[in-house]
Amino acid sequence: MKKRLFVVLILAAALVGYMAFTGSVGYGKESGEGHAVVAKVELSKKPITFDGIAYIAGHGGHIAIIDMRTMKSPTDVEKDRIVITEAGSEMEGKIAGMSFEKVQKAGGMHGQALIKEHGDKVLVVGTLDGDVYKVDLKTGKKTGPWKVGEKFCGAIVGPDGKIYFEDMADGNVYVWDSKTLKTADKMPVGKAVCGIQWTKNAKKAYITDMPTGIVYVYDWKTKKKIKEIKSPEMTFIHQDRMTPDGRYLWVSAPNEFDPGLKPGTHKSQVIIIDTNTDKIVKRIILPDNIRPHDFAFTADGKYALLSSRTYGDDSKLVVLDRKNDHIVEEVSACKSCHQPNGIEVKMDKGSPLLCGITVDWHPGK
C-alpha cells in the first residue's frame, strides 16, 4: 500500500512539474488562440551584449545603427545612421488599394536585407514609395534608386537568394534580383502585405497581411495558398520571423487598429505559430509602449530582438529572453539622437517610427 501511494505521489509530482514547465514555456493547448503569457520587464543590471550591429529602417528616411557589442544608444547623426531618402509615412498615400492621407513627402523606409556582393556586405533597402537602394557597408556608397513596387514593408532574402519585397499598397510580393537589378517576379497575395518567411525546407511560406490580420500559408512549390491563419488577437499585424530552429513563426501584432482601421482595442503582442500544425500556440502580451514591428533572433535562439515603437517620443530595440519571456534590455533608437541634436519629428503625430530590423552578426568577419 505504501509502495503504491509512493508511486502515485511521484506521478503526481511529475504531472505538476510538466504542467509548470509547459506553462512557463507557454506552448499549451488551452484554446485556439494559444496560451497567453505576460512579458515582464526585468531589465538586466549589466548590459546584455551581442556580437552584432543592428540596422533598423524608419519613416525618417534613414537607418538607425545600434552597436550591440556595447548596447549604447545612437547619438551621432553622422556615424549612427545611414541616410537613404526623405521622410515618409506608411499611413499616407495608398494602402490596400485605398487612398488615405495625402502624401506630404514621398520617402521613408520599412525594411532592408543584408547580402554579400564580391565579398562585401551590402544592405538592400526598400522604401515607402516602392524604390530600392543598395548601401555598401564598407564604403558607405549608396546606389539607386530602382523602381520596383508602390509601398514596401519588408525586405527579406528568399531561399533562392533573391530579395522579396512585400507591398502595402497593392498586396503583391515583388521578387527582385540584386545581380541584374531587375524584378524577377510578382505574386498577388493579399491587401497590404508586410512580411514573408519560409520553413527550412522551403516547403511553405508565411505571408502577413497588415490590415486584415491574416497570415497566409503558401505551398512554395506550387505558389498556391493552402491556409489562412486568423485570430481576434491579430487585428493589425506587421512582419514575421522564423525562429532559428524553424519550429515557430513569430508574428508582430501591435494591433494599432481594429478591423476597418478603427482605433485599436487589443493588447500589443507577439503571436507564435507552430509551423508543424500551422496553429497559434502562444501569445506574448507586451507593455503598451512596446509595439513590435519586426524581429531578429540570436543564432542559439535564446534571445529575440524586437524593433518596437512606443508611439511616444521614441522607438526602441527590445531584448526578450525566450526562456521566461522577460524583457531584459531596452535601447533607445531615436530619442537619444533626436533630442541632443534638436531634431523634431513632424510626421506620424510626432512619433519616430522604426520598422524592419537586420543584424550584421560578427561584423568584423
Protein backbone atom coordinates (compact mmCIF):
# COMPACT_ATOMS: atom_id res chain seq x y z
CA MET A 1 0.00 0.00 0.00
CA LYS A 2 2.79 2.40 0.95
CA LYS A 3 4.63 1.50 -2.23
CA ARG A 4 1.56 2.21 -4.37
CA LEU A 5 0.99 5.54 -2.58
CA PHE A 6 4.62 6.47 -3.17
CA VAL A 7 4.28 5.75 -6.91
CA VAL A 8 1.08 7.83 -7.09
CA LEU A 9 2.82 10.74 -5.37
CA ILE A 10 5.76 10.51 -7.77
CA LEU A 11 3.43 10.53 -10.77
CA ALA A 12 1.50 13.49 -9.36
CA ALA A 13 4.71 15.41 -8.78
CA ALA A 14 5.83 14.65 -12.32
CA LEU A 15 2.50 15.88 -13.68
CA VAL A 16 2.73 19.12 -11.70
CA GLY A 17 6.28 19.59 -12.91
CA TYR A 18 5.23 19.01 -16.51
CA MET A 19 2.36 21.47 -16.22
CA ALA A 20 4.65 24.05 -14.67
CA PHE A 21 7.15 23.52 -17.48
CA THR A 22 4.60 23.82 -20.26
CA GLY A 23 3.09 26.84 -18.55
CA SER A 24 6.45 28.62 -18.34
CA VAL A 25 7.32 27.80 -21.94
CA GLY A 26 3.81 28.79 -22.91
CA TYR A 27 3.08 26.25 -25.63
CA GLY A 28 -0.05 24.90 -24.01
CA LYS A 29 -3.30 23.96 -25.69
CA GLU A 30 -5.73 25.97 -23.59
CA SER A 31 -7.55 27.47 -26.58
CA GLY A 32 -7.38 28.02 -30.30
CA GLU A 33 -5.83 31.42 -29.62
CA GLY A 34 -2.80 29.91 -27.89
CA HIS A 35 -1.55 30.11 -24.35
CA ALA A 36 -1.16 33.76 -23.25
CA VAL A 37 1.75 34.93 -21.11
CA VAL A 38 2.55 38.44 -19.96
CA ALA A 39 6.04 39.72 -20.69
CA LYS A 40 7.57 41.10 -17.51
CA VAL A 41 10.03 43.98 -17.71
CA GLU A 42 13.05 42.93 -15.67
CA LEU A 43 15.95 44.88 -17.12
CA SER A 44 19.41 43.45 -16.60
CA LYS A 45 21.69 45.38 -14.23
CA LYS A 46 24.54 44.99 -16.71
CA PRO A 47 24.04 45.47 -20.47
CA ILE A 48 23.38 42.24 -22.30
CA THR A 49 25.59 42.50 -25.37
CA PHE A 50 25.88 40.58 -28.62
CA ASP A 51 28.49 40.39 -31.37
CA GLY A 52 26.42 42.20 -33.94
CA ILE A 53 25.30 45.53 -35.35
CA ALA A 54 21.58 46.17 -35.74
CA TYR A 55 20.28 48.19 -38.68
CA ILE A 56 16.70 49.38 -38.24
CA ALA A 57 14.77 51.15 -41.00
CA GLY A 58 12.47 54.06 -40.20
CA HIS A 59 9.98 56.54 -41.55
CA GLY A 60 12.55 59.29 -41.09
CA GLY A 61 14.30 58.17 -44.28
CA HIS A 62 17.37 56.86 -42.50
CA ILE A 63 18.53 53.62 -40.92
CA ALA A 64 19.31 53.70 -37.20
CA ILE A 65 22.51 51.87 -36.25
CA ILE A 66 22.88 50.20 -32.85
CA ASP A 67 26.18 48.55 -31.99
CA MET A 68 25.02 45.61 -29.88
CA ARG A 69 28.58 44.99 -28.68
CA THR A 70 28.06 47.97 -26.35
CA MET A 71 24.26 48.36 -26.46
CA LYS A 72 24.70 52.12 -26.38
CA SER A 73 22.00 54.27 -27.92
CA PRO A 74 22.85 56.09 -31.16
CA THR A 75 23.72 59.78 -30.66
CA ASP A 76 25.87 60.78 -33.65
CA VAL A 77 23.87 61.88 -36.70
CA GLU A 78 26.89 61.18 -38.90
CA LYS A 79 28.07 57.80 -37.60
CA ASP A 80 24.94 56.28 -36.08
CA ARG A 81 22.63 56.41 -39.08
CA ILE A 82 22.55 55.82 -42.83
CA VAL A 83 20.52 58.40 -44.75
CA ILE A 84 18.61 56.89 -47.66
CA THR A 85 15.82 59.26 -48.63
CA GLU A 86 13.38 61.86 -47.31
CA ALA A 87 10.92 61.15 -44.50
CA GLY A 88 7.63 59.44 -45.26
CA SER A 89 4.69 57.74 -43.54
CA GLU A 90 3.09 54.35 -44.10
CA MET A 91 -0.36 55.82 -43.45
CA GLU A 92 -0.07 58.28 -46.33
CA GLY A 93 -0.99 57.60 -49.92
CA LYS A 94 -2.36 54.18 -50.86
CA ILE A 95 -2.77 51.20 -48.53
CA ALA A 96 -4.51 48.00 -49.58
CA GLY A 97 -5.61 49.75 -52.77
CA MET A 98 -7.35 52.54 -50.83
CA SER A 99 -6.24 56.18 -50.69
CA PHE A 100 -5.60 57.64 -47.24
CA GLU A 101 -3.91 60.85 -46.17
CA LYS A 102 -2.40 62.99 -48.90
CA VAL A 103 1.29 62.30 -49.31
CA GLN A 104 3.22 65.11 -47.63
CA LYS A 105 6.65 63.76 -48.52
CA ALA A 106 7.49 60.74 -50.62
CA GLY A 107 10.10 58.87 -48.62
CA GLY A 108 10.80 56.75 -45.56
CA MET A 109 11.78 53.10 -45.39
CA HIS A 110 10.39 49.95 -43.85
CA GLY A 111 12.96 47.21 -44.28
CA GLN A 112 16.33 46.11 -45.59
CA ALA A 113 18.11 42.86 -46.31
CA LEU A 114 21.80 42.07 -45.81
CA ILE A 115 23.61 40.32 -48.64
CA LYS A 116 27.18 39.83 -49.84
CA GLU A 117 28.44 41.08 -53.17
CA HIS A 118 32.03 40.50 -54.26
CA GLY A 119 32.89 39.69 -50.64
CA ASP A 120 31.45 42.95 -49.29
CA LYS A 121 28.36 43.31 -47.10
CA VAL A 122 25.57 45.26 -48.75
CA LEU A 123 22.18 46.43 -47.46
CA VAL A 124 19.33 46.26 -49.97
CA VAL A 125 16.76 48.80 -48.82
CA GLY A 126 13.09 49.15 -49.78
CA THR A 127 11.30 52.48 -49.41
CA LEU A 128 7.75 53.59 -48.78
CA ASP A 129 7.46 54.72 -52.39
CA GLY A 130 8.46 51.37 -53.85
CA ASP A 131 12.08 52.19 -54.67
CA VAL A 132 15.13 50.04 -53.97
CA TYR A 133 18.60 51.21 -52.95
CA LYS A 134 21.88 49.49 -52.17
CA VAL A 135 24.34 50.57 -49.48
CA ASP A 136 27.88 49.16 -49.30
CA LEU A 137 28.58 48.91 -45.57
CA LYS A 138 32.34 49.09 -46.08
CA THR A 139 32.46 52.24 -48.19
CA GLY A 140 29.09 53.76 -47.30
CA LYS A 141 28.38 54.18 -51.01
CA LYS A 142 24.68 54.33 -51.91
CA THR A 143 23.37 53.35 -55.34
CA GLY A 144 19.89 53.55 -56.81
CA PRO A 145 17.02 54.06 -56.79
CA TRP A 146 15.46 51.34 -58.89
CA LYS A 147 11.69 51.50 -59.23
CA VAL A 148 10.15 48.14 -58.29
CA GLY A 149 6.80 48.46 -56.48
CA GLU A 150 4.50 51.01 -54.80
CA LYS A 151 4.92 50.99 -50.99
CA PHE A 152 7.28 48.47 -49.43
CA CYS A 153 7.14 46.96 -45.96
CA GLY A 154 9.54 44.03 -45.55
CA ALA A 155 12.73 43.23 -47.44
CA ILE A 156 13.79 39.59 -47.00
CA VAL A 157 16.40 37.35 -48.62
CA GLY A 158 14.50 34.38 -50.04
CA PRO A 159 15.56 30.74 -50.29
CA ASP A 160 16.67 31.41 -53.87
CA GLY A 161 18.94 34.30 -52.85
CA LYS A 162 16.68 36.93 -54.39
CA ILE A 163 15.16 39.81 -52.38
CA TYR A 164 11.45 39.63 -51.55
CA PHE A 165 9.66 42.95 -51.01
CA GLU A 166 6.15 42.99 -49.53
CA ASP A 167 3.93 45.81 -50.78
CA MET A 168 1.41 47.59 -48.56
CA ALA A 169 -0.25 49.44 -51.44
CA ASP A 170 -1.15 46.65 -53.85
CA GLY A 171 -0.71 43.47 -51.75
CA ASN A 172 1.94 41.99 -54.04
CA VAL A 173 5.18 40.28 -53.15
CA TYR A 174 7.89 41.55 -55.51
CA VAL A 175 10.91 39.34 -56.23
CA TRP A 176 13.99 41.39 -57.08
CA ASP A 177 17.31 40.14 -58.44
CA SER A 178 20.11 42.17 -56.86
CA LYS A 179 22.57 40.97 -59.53
CA THR A 180 20.61 42.01 -62.60
CA LEU A 181 18.87 44.91 -60.77
CA LYS A 182 15.57 43.78 -62.24
CA THR A 183 12.24 42.49 -60.93
CA ALA A 184 12.20 38.73 -61.46
CA ASP A 185 8.62 38.00 -60.42
CA LYS A 186 5.50 39.37 -58.76
CA MET A 187 2.94 37.49 -56.62
CA PRO A 188 -0.51 38.89 -55.78
CA VAL A 189 -1.23 37.75 -52.21
CA GLY A 190 -3.39 40.00 -50.01
CA LYS A 191 -4.48 43.56 -49.33
CA ALA A 192 -1.35 45.12 -47.80
CA VAL A 193 1.33 42.51 -47.19
CA CYS A 194 4.19 43.20 -44.81
CA GLY A 195 6.38 40.12 -44.19
CA ILE A 196 7.33 36.74 -45.63
CA GLN A 197 9.17 33.77 -44.12
CA TRP A 198 9.86 30.19 -45.17
CA THR A 199 10.20 26.86 -43.43
CA LYS A 200 13.74 25.45 -43.54
CA ASN A 201 13.00 23.16 -46.46
CA ALA A 202 11.18 25.99 -48.28
CA LYS A 203 8.12 23.78 -48.41
CA LYS A 204 5.87 26.51 -47.02
CA ALA A 205 5.87 30.30 -46.93
CA TYR A 206 4.05 32.55 -44.43
CA ILE A 207 2.96 36.00 -45.61
CA THR A 208 1.45 38.58 -43.25
CA ASP A 209 -1.36 40.89 -44.37
CA MET A 210 -1.28 44.03 -42.25
CA PRO A 211 -4.84 45.48 -42.16
CA THR A 212 -6.69 42.15 -42.35
CA GLY A 213 -4.59 40.49 -39.64
CA ILE A 214 -4.28 37.32 -41.72
CA VAL A 215 -1.20 35.11 -42.05
CA TYR A 216 -1.36 33.37 -45.42
CA VAL A 217 0.28 29.94 -45.70
CA TYR A 218 1.52 29.08 -49.19
CA ASP A 219 2.77 25.87 -50.74
CA TRP A 220 6.02 27.28 -52.04
CA LYS A 221 6.48 24.72 -54.82
CA THR A 222 3.11 25.44 -56.42
CA LYS A 223 2.78 29.04 -55.12
CA LYS A 224 -0.78 28.18 -54.07
CA LYS A 225 -2.46 29.31 -50.85
CA ILE A 226 -3.16 26.36 -48.57
CA LYS A 227 -4.38 28.07 -45.40
CA GLU A 228 -5.29 31.34 -43.70
CA ILE A 229 -4.37 31.77 -40.03
CA LYS A 230 -6.68 34.20 -38.24
CA SER A 231 -7.33 35.29 -34.68
CA PRO A 232 -9.31 38.02 -32.88
CA GLU A 233 -5.94 38.86 -31.30
CA MET A 234 -4.43 39.73 -34.70
CA THR A 235 -6.24 42.88 -35.80
CA PHE A 236 -3.32 44.79 -37.31
CA ILE A 237 -0.05 42.97 -37.89
CA HIS A 238 3.34 43.71 -39.40
CA GLN A 239 6.32 41.50 -40.13
CA ASP A 240 7.02 37.89 -39.20
CA ARG A 241 10.20 35.91 -38.46
CA MET A 242 11.06 32.25 -38.20
CA THR A 243 12.91 31.03 -35.10
CA PRO A 244 16.39 29.64 -35.87
CA ASP A 245 15.22 26.04 -35.45
CA GLY A 246 12.33 26.61 -37.86
CA ARG A 247 9.76 25.31 -35.39
CA TYR A 248 7.91 28.54 -34.69
CA LEU A 249 6.85 31.64 -36.59
CA TRP A 250 6.75 34.91 -34.65
CA VAL A 251 4.20 37.44 -35.89
CA SER A 252 4.24 41.07 -34.77
CA ALA A 253 0.74 42.06 -33.64
CA PRO A 254 0.98 45.57 -32.16
CA ASN A 255 -2.74 45.93 -33.01
CA GLU A 256 -2.71 49.68 -33.54
CA PHE A 257 -6.07 49.35 -35.27
CA ASP A 258 -9.15 47.16 -35.07
CA PRO A 259 -10.81 45.79 -38.22
CA GLY A 260 -11.79 48.56 -40.62
CA LEU A 261 -8.89 50.68 -39.33
CA LYS A 262 -10.87 51.65 -36.26
CA PRO A 263 -8.93 52.60 -33.08
CA GLY A 264 -7.21 49.57 -31.62
CA THR A 265 -8.68 47.89 -28.55
CA HIS A 266 -6.41 44.82 -28.30
CA LYS A 267 -3.14 44.49 -26.46
CA SER A 268 0.21 44.70 -28.21
CA GLN A 269 1.58 41.19 -28.51
CA VAL A 270 3.65 38.59 -30.29
CA ILE A 271 1.70 35.75 -31.90
CA ILE A 272 3.59 32.45 -32.10
CA ILE A 273 2.59 29.82 -34.65
CA ASP A 274 3.70 26.18 -34.69
CA THR A 275 4.96 25.51 -38.23
CA ASN A 276 4.10 21.81 -38.00
CA THR A 277 0.43 22.38 -37.28
CA ASP A 278 0.05 25.98 -38.54
CA LYS A 279 -1.84 26.81 -35.35
CA ILE A 280 -1.34 29.58 -32.82
CA VAL A 281 0.23 28.04 -29.73
CA LYS A 282 1.33 31.08 -27.72
CA ARG A 283 0.76 34.81 -27.31
CA ILE A 284 3.20 37.08 -25.52
CA ILE A 285 1.36 40.14 -24.17
CA LEU A 286 3.63 43.20 -24.23
CA PRO A 287 3.53 46.54 -22.39
CA ASP A 288 1.51 49.22 -24.20
CA ASN A 289 4.64 51.22 -25.02
CA ILE A 290 6.26 48.28 -26.82
CA ARG A 291 4.66 47.86 -30.24
CA PRO A 292 6.80 45.41 -32.24
CA HIS A 293 7.25 45.74 -35.96
CA ASP A 294 9.92 43.16 -36.71
CA PHE A 295 12.20 40.62 -35.02
CA ALA A 296 15.64 39.09 -35.14
CA PHE A 297 16.95 36.13 -33.18
CA THR A 298 20.33 35.20 -31.82
CA ALA A 299 21.76 32.13 -33.56
CA ASP A 300 21.17 29.96 -30.48
CA GLY A 301 17.56 31.14 -30.28
CA LYS A 302 17.89 32.24 -26.66
CA TYR A 303 17.05 35.88 -27.28
CA ALA A 304 14.59 37.70 -29.52
CA LEU A 305 15.33 41.25 -30.65
CA LEU A 306 12.24 43.38 -31.19
CA SER A 307 12.21 46.52 -33.29
CA SER A 308 9.46 48.33 -31.38
CA ARG A 309 7.59 51.61 -31.49
CA THR A 310 6.45 53.46 -28.37
CA TYR A 311 4.04 55.77 -30.22
CA GLY A 312 5.53 58.41 -27.95
CA ASP A 313 8.85 60.16 -28.49
CA ASP A 314 10.94 57.09 -29.26
CA SER A 315 11.35 53.71 -30.89
CA LYS A 316 13.42 51.03 -29.22
CA LEU A 317 15.41 47.88 -29.66
CA VAL A 318 13.94 45.50 -27.08
CA VAL A 319 15.60 42.25 -25.99
CA LEU A 320 13.35 39.43 -24.83
CA ASP A 321 14.70 36.37 -23.03
CA ARG A 322 12.88 33.42 -24.59
CA LYS A 323 13.46 31.23 -21.53
CA ASN A 324 10.98 33.19 -19.42
CA ASP A 325 9.60 35.85 -21.82
CA HIS A 326 11.11 38.62 -19.71
CA ILE A 327 12.14 41.90 -21.32
CA VAL A 328 15.74 42.21 -20.20
CA GLU A 329 17.03 45.13 -22.28
CA GLU A 330 15.67 48.29 -23.91
CA VAL A 331 17.80 50.59 -26.07
CA SER A 332 16.55 53.96 -27.28
CA ALA A 333 16.99 54.15 -31.04
CA CYS A 334 15.56 57.59 -31.83
CA LYS A 335 15.17 59.95 -28.87
CA SER A 336 18.82 59.51 -27.86
CA CYS A 337 19.86 61.03 -31.18
CA HIS A 338 16.99 63.39 -31.91
CA GLN A 339 16.90 65.20 -28.57
CA PRO A 340 20.56 66.31 -28.25
CA ASN A 341 20.64 67.34 -31.92
CA GLY A 342 17.42 69.35 -31.76
CA ILE A 343 15.62 67.14 -34.28
CA GLU A 344 11.84 67.47 -34.20
CA VAL A 345 9.66 64.74 -35.70
CA LYS A 346 6.83 66.34 -37.63
CA MET A 347 5.26 63.23 -39.14
CA ASP A 348 3.24 60.40 -37.64
CA LYS A 349 1.84 62.68 -34.93
CA GLY A 350 5.35 63.49 -33.72
CA SER A 351 6.34 59.89 -33.06
CA PRO A 352 9.51 58.47 -34.66
CA LEU A 353 8.51 55.11 -36.10
CA LEU A 354 11.06 52.35 -36.73
CA CYS A 355 10.28 49.27 -38.78
CA GLY A 356 12.35 46.34 -40.09
CA ILE A 357 15.48 45.12 -38.30
CA THR A 358 18.51 43.43 -39.89
CA VAL A 359 21.53 42.29 -37.89
CA ASP A 360 25.08 42.01 -39.16
CA TRP A 361 26.32 39.21 -36.92
CA HIS A 362 30.08 39.10 -36.28
CA PRO A 363 30.66 42.36 -38.19
CA GLY A 364 34.43 42.01 -38.14
CA LYS A 365 34.28 38.84 -40.23
